Amino acid sequence: MHYAVQAAIARFPDRGHAIEELAKADEGFLSLCEDLAAAQAALARWERSDTPVRSARCAEYRELVRDLVAELAAELDRHAQG
């Protein structure tokens, strides 16, 4: 399974099958999953950082992760309805 699909399923475990199917059929959705995985990885790196900008970068990446999760949810909902 694609690492990015796993990242999305970790956020929506009850929608795993839908995520897998949509990622196979829609490159845009897979790209969104990849963006989420990358943002989560960056957040994890910043959380381990000891640089002065750590707090600001963590806040930025947390917001990005929230936005991507919301976008994934919207896409899943949209495809579930149609």
N, C-alpha and C. Protein backbone atom coordinates (compact mmCIF):
# COMPACT_ATOMS: atom_id res chain seq x y z
N MET A 1 0.84 -1.18 0.00
CA MET A 1 0.00 0.00 0.00
C MET A 1 0.89 1.25 0.00
N HIS A 2 0.49 2.22 -0.74
CA HIS A 2 1.22 3.48 -0.86
C HIS A 2 1.30 4.17 0.51
N TYR A 3 2.49 4.68 0.84
CA TYR A 3 2.68 5.33 2.14
C TYR A 3 1.69 6.47 2.37
N ALA A 4 1.36 7.20 1.34
CA ALA A 4 0.45 8.35 1.48
C ALA A 4 -0.97 7.88 1.76
N VAL A 5 -1.35 6.77 1.16
CA VAL A 5 -2.68 6.20 1.42
C VAL A 5 -2.76 5.76 2.87
N GLN A 6 -1.68 5.20 3.38
CA GLN A 6 -1.64 4.79 4.79
C GLN A 6 -1.80 6.00 5.71
N ALA A 7 -1.19 7.12 5.34
CA ALA A 7 -1.31 8.34 6.16
C ALA A 7 -2.76 8.80 6.21
N ALA A 8 -3.46 8.73 5.08
CA ALA A 8 -4.86 9.14 5.04
C ALA A 8 -5.73 8.17 5.84
N ILE A 9 -5.46 6.88 5.69
CA ILE A 9 -6.25 5.88 6.42
C ILE A 9 -6.04 6.03 7.92
N ALA A 10 -4.85 6.42 8.34
CA ALA A 10 -4.60 6.63 9.77
C ALA A 10 -5.51 7.73 10.31
N ARG A 11 -5.85 8.72 9.48
CA ARG A 11 -6.74 9.80 9.88
C ARG A 11 -8.21 9.40 9.82
N PHE A 12 -8.53 8.49 8.90
CA PHE A 12 -9.92 8.06 8.68
C PHE A 12 -9.97 6.54 8.62
N PRO A 13 -9.70 5.86 9.73
CA PRO A 13 -9.62 4.40 9.69
C PRO A 13 -10.92 3.73 9.25
N ASP A 14 -12.04 4.34 9.52
CA ASP A 14 -13.33 3.76 9.14
C ASP A 14 -13.64 3.94 7.65
N ARG A 15 -12.80 4.68 6.95
CA ARG A 15 -13.02 4.93 5.51
C ARG A 15 -11.85 4.41 4.68
N GLY A 16 -11.14 3.44 5.23
CA GLY A 16 -9.95 2.91 4.58
C GLY A 16 -10.20 2.39 3.18
N HIS A 17 -11.24 1.62 3.01
CA HIS A 17 -11.54 1.06 1.68
C HIS A 17 -11.82 2.17 0.68
N ALA A 18 -12.61 3.14 1.07
CA ALA A 18 -12.94 4.26 0.17
C ALA A 18 -11.67 5.04 -0.19
N ILE A 19 -10.78 5.22 0.76
CA ILE A 19 -9.53 5.94 0.51
C ILE A 19 -8.68 5.17 -0.49
N GLU A 20 -8.55 3.86 -0.29
CA GLU A 20 -7.76 3.04 -1.21
C GLU A 20 -8.33 3.11 -2.63
N GLU A 21 -9.62 2.96 -2.76
CA GLU A 21 -10.26 2.96 -4.08
C GLU A 21 -10.13 4.32 -4.76
N LEU A 22 -10.36 5.36 -4.01
CA LEU A 22 -10.28 6.71 -4.59
C LEU A 22 -8.85 7.06 -4.99
N ALA A 23 -7.89 6.65 -4.18
CA ALA A 23 -6.48 6.91 -4.50
C ALA A 23 -6.06 6.19 -5.79
N LYS A 24 -6.61 5.01 -6.02
CA LYS A 24 -6.32 4.26 -7.25
C LYS A 24 -6.94 4.94 -8.47
N ALA A 25 -8.10 5.52 -8.30
CA ALA A 25 -8.86 6.05 -9.43
C ALA A 25 -8.61 7.53 -9.71
N ASP A 26 -8.09 8.27 -8.75
CA ASP A 26 -8.01 9.72 -8.87
C ASP A 26 -6.62 10.21 -8.44
N GLU A 27 -5.82 10.62 -9.42
CA GLU A 27 -4.47 11.09 -9.13
C GLU A 27 -4.47 12.32 -8.22
N GLY A 28 -5.47 13.17 -8.37
CA GLY A 28 -5.57 14.35 -7.52
C GLY A 28 -5.77 13.98 -6.06
N PHE A 29 -6.59 12.96 -5.82
CA PHE A 29 -6.80 12.50 -4.45
C PHE A 29 -5.53 11.89 -3.89
N LEU A 30 -4.83 11.09 -4.70
CA LEU A 30 -3.57 10.52 -4.25
C LEU A 30 -2.57 11.62 -3.93
N SER A 31 -2.54 12.65 -4.75
CA SER A 31 -1.65 13.78 -4.50
C SER A 31 -1.99 14.47 -3.17
N LEU A 32 -3.26 14.57 -2.88
CA LEU A 32 -3.70 15.14 -1.60
C LEU A 32 -3.21 14.28 -0.44
N CYS A 33 -3.29 12.96 -0.60
CA CYS A 33 -2.77 12.04 0.41
C CYS A 33 -1.27 12.23 0.58
N GLU A 34 -0.55 12.40 -0.53
CA GLU A 34 0.89 12.64 -0.47
C GLU A 34 1.21 13.94 0.24
N ASP A 35 0.42 14.96 -0.02
CA ASP A 35 0.62 16.24 0.67
C ASP A 35 0.44 16.08 2.18
N LEU A 36 -0.59 15.31 2.57
CA LEU A 36 -0.82 15.07 3.99
C LEU A 36 0.37 14.34 4.61
N ALA A 37 0.83 13.29 3.96
CA ALA A 37 1.96 12.53 4.49
C ALA A 37 3.20 13.42 4.63
N ALA A 38 3.45 14.27 3.63
CA ALA A 38 4.61 15.16 3.68
C ALA A 38 4.47 16.19 4.79
N ALA A 39 3.28 16.74 4.96
CA ALA A 39 3.06 17.74 6.01
C ALA A 39 3.21 17.11 7.39
N GLN A 40 2.71 15.90 7.55
CA GLN A 40 2.85 15.22 8.84
C GLN A 40 4.32 14.91 9.14
N ALA A 41 5.06 14.51 8.12
CA ALA A 41 6.49 14.23 8.31
C ALA A 41 7.24 15.52 8.67
N ALA A 42 6.92 16.60 8.00
CA ALA A 42 7.56 17.88 8.31
C ALA A 42 7.23 18.33 9.73
N LEU A 43 5.97 18.16 10.12
CA LEU A 43 5.58 18.51 11.49
C LEU A 43 6.38 17.69 12.50
N ALA A 44 6.51 16.41 12.25
CA ALA A 44 7.28 15.55 13.16
C ALA A 44 8.73 16.02 13.26
N ARG A 45 9.32 16.40 12.13
CA ARG A 45 10.70 16.91 12.15
C ARG A 45 10.80 18.20 12.96
N TRP A 46 9.86 19.13 12.75
CA TRP A 46 9.90 20.38 13.50
C TRP A 46 9.66 20.16 14.98
N GLU A 47 8.82 19.19 15.32
CA GLU A 47 8.58 18.91 16.75
C GLU A 47 9.84 18.40 17.45
N ARG A 48 10.74 17.79 16.69
CA ARG A 48 12.01 17.31 17.27
C ARG A 48 13.12 18.36 17.20
N SER A 49 12.86 19.46 16.54
CA SER A 49 13.86 20.49 16.34
C SER A 49 14.09 21.29 17.62
N ASP A 50 15.27 21.86 17.71
CA ASP A 50 15.56 22.74 18.85
C ASP A 50 15.92 24.15 18.38
N THR A 51 15.48 24.49 17.18
CA THR A 51 15.75 25.82 16.64
C THR A 51 14.77 26.84 17.21
N PRO A 52 15.13 28.11 17.16
CA PRO A 52 14.25 29.16 17.69
C PRO A 52 12.90 29.27 16.98
N VAL A 53 12.82 28.84 15.74
CA VAL A 53 11.56 28.97 15.00
C VAL A 53 10.68 27.73 15.14
N ARG A 54 11.06 26.81 16.00
CA ARG A 54 10.34 25.56 16.16
C ARG A 54 8.84 25.77 16.40
N SER A 55 8.48 26.58 17.36
CA SER A 55 7.07 26.78 17.71
C SER A 55 6.26 27.32 16.54
N ALA A 56 6.82 28.29 15.86
CA ALA A 56 6.11 28.89 14.72
C ALA A 56 5.92 27.87 13.60
N ARG A 57 6.96 27.12 13.30
CA ARG A 57 6.86 26.12 12.22
C ARG A 57 5.90 25.00 12.60
N CYS A 58 5.93 24.58 13.83
CA CYS A 58 4.99 23.54 14.29
C CYS A 58 3.55 24.03 14.13
N ALA A 59 3.30 25.26 14.51
CA ALA A 59 1.95 25.81 14.38
C ALA A 59 1.53 25.85 12.91
N GLU A 60 2.45 26.26 12.03
CA GLU A 60 2.14 26.31 10.60
C GLU A 60 1.81 24.93 10.05
N TYR A 61 2.62 23.95 10.41
CA TYR A 61 2.38 22.60 9.89
C TYR A 61 1.16 21.95 10.51
N ARG A 62 0.87 22.25 11.76
CA ARG A 62 -0.38 21.73 12.36
C ARG A 62 -1.59 22.26 11.61
N GLU A 63 -1.55 23.54 11.27
CA GLU A 63 -2.64 24.15 10.51
C GLU A 63 -2.74 23.52 9.12
N LEU A 64 -1.61 23.32 8.48
CA LEU A 64 -1.61 22.69 7.16
C LEU A 64 -2.19 21.28 7.23
N VAL A 65 -1.78 20.51 8.22
CA VAL A 65 -2.31 19.15 8.39
C VAL A 65 -3.83 19.21 8.60
N ARG A 66 -4.30 20.12 9.44
CA ARG A 66 -5.76 20.27 9.67
C ARG A 66 -6.48 20.58 8.36
N ASP A 67 -5.92 21.50 7.58
CA ASP A 67 -6.54 21.88 6.31
C ASP A 67 -6.57 20.70 5.34
N LEU A 68 -5.49 19.95 5.26
CA LEU A 68 -5.44 18.81 4.36
C LEU A 68 -6.41 17.71 4.80
N VAL A 69 -6.52 17.49 6.09
CA VAL A 69 -7.47 16.50 6.61
C VAL A 69 -8.90 16.92 6.26
N ALA A 70 -9.19 18.20 6.40
CA ALA A 70 -10.53 18.69 6.05
C ALA A 70 -10.78 18.53 4.55
N GLU A 71 -9.78 18.79 3.74
CA GLU A 71 -9.93 18.64 2.30
C GLU A 71 -10.14 17.18 1.91
N LEU A 72 -9.40 16.29 2.55
CA LEU A 72 -9.59 14.85 2.31
C LEU A 72 -11.00 14.42 2.69
N ALA A 73 -11.47 14.89 3.84
CA ALA A 73 -12.83 14.55 4.28
C ALA A 73 -13.86 15.03 3.28
N ALA A 74 -13.68 16.24 2.78
CA ALA A 74 -14.62 16.79 1.81
C ALA A 74 -14.62 15.96 0.53
N GLU A 75 -13.45 15.56 0.06
CA GLU A 75 -13.36 14.73 -1.14
C GLU A 75 -14.02 13.37 -0.92
N LEU A 76 -13.77 12.79 0.23
CA LEU A 76 -14.40 11.50 0.54
C LEU A 76 -15.92 11.62 0.57
N ASP A 77 -16.40 12.67 1.20
CA ASP A 77 -17.85 12.90 1.27
C ASP A 77 -18.44 13.13 -0.13
N ARG A 78 -17.72 13.91 -0.93
CA ARG A 78 -18.20 14.21 -2.27
C ARG A 78 -18.32 12.93 -3.10
N HIS A 79 -17.34 12.07 -3.02
CA HIS A 79 -17.36 10.83 -3.80
C HIS A 79 -18.34 9.81 -3.23
N ALA A 80 -18.61 9.88 -1.94
CA ALA A 80 -19.58 8.96 -1.33
C ALA A 80 -21.00 9.29 -1.78
N GLN A 81 -21.24 10.56 -2.07
CA GLN A 81 -22.57 11.00 -2.48
C GLN A 81 -22.82 10.77 -3.97
N GLY A 82 -21.78 10.74 -4.77
CA GLY A 82 -22.00 10.67 -6.20
C GLY A 82 -21.34 9.52 -6.79
